Structures are given as C-alpha cells and as structure tokens.
Amino acid sequence: MAFLQTNKDLISTGTKEFNALLKQQVFNDLLVSEEAMVTVVDDWINFYINYYRQQVTGEQEERDRALQQLQQELNTLANNFLGKYRAFLKSQEHQNHP
C-alpha cells in the first residue's frame, strides 16, 4: 500500500531537514563522547518523530506506517553521521597519542 502523497512529502521534508541538521555539525576540539553524541542524535530523532506525528494524515495505520518509514530514514542518516563521528574521534585519539 502506497503512502498518501502528503505523507510522502512529509517524509521527504523531514529527511532533508534532518540531513541538513547533521551536516551543520562541526567536529572540533571540543569533543563529546561517542555515547553522549548517540544520546544527542537519538533526542533529535525523537524530536523529529514527535513533530511529524502531528503532521501526518490518513487512517491510524497509514500514519503509523509513515512515521515508521520516517524513523527508518532518520536512523539511516543518524547511523552514517555517527560512523563519521566515530572515525573523527579515532583520528583525534591517534593525533593525541601517536
């Protein structure tokens, strides 16, 4: 069953906005632990899901599926971001402990 066009648009918008948020993050010398960054990113995902929960349309099943799809897409973006952050932390370790 295909998503309603409105929900497709919301998923696309939410994914683009979340990706833009992740791309704005600057890795610098003020290191946040990996665990803390995971917590921050999880909080961001929850914020987006709660925001878009109020926006999706259709029957309850349609809304639930749209939010599940959005959650999957945000998790994929988050996992890519966290992978880059882990690599950054490791590079900082090697610079500080040659």
Foldseek 3Di string as FASTA:
>chain_A
DDADPQLVVLLVVLLVVLLVVLVPDDDDPPDDDLVVLVVVLVVVLVVSLVVCLVVGDDDPVSSVVSSVSSSVSSVVSSVVSSVVSVVVVVVVVVVVPD
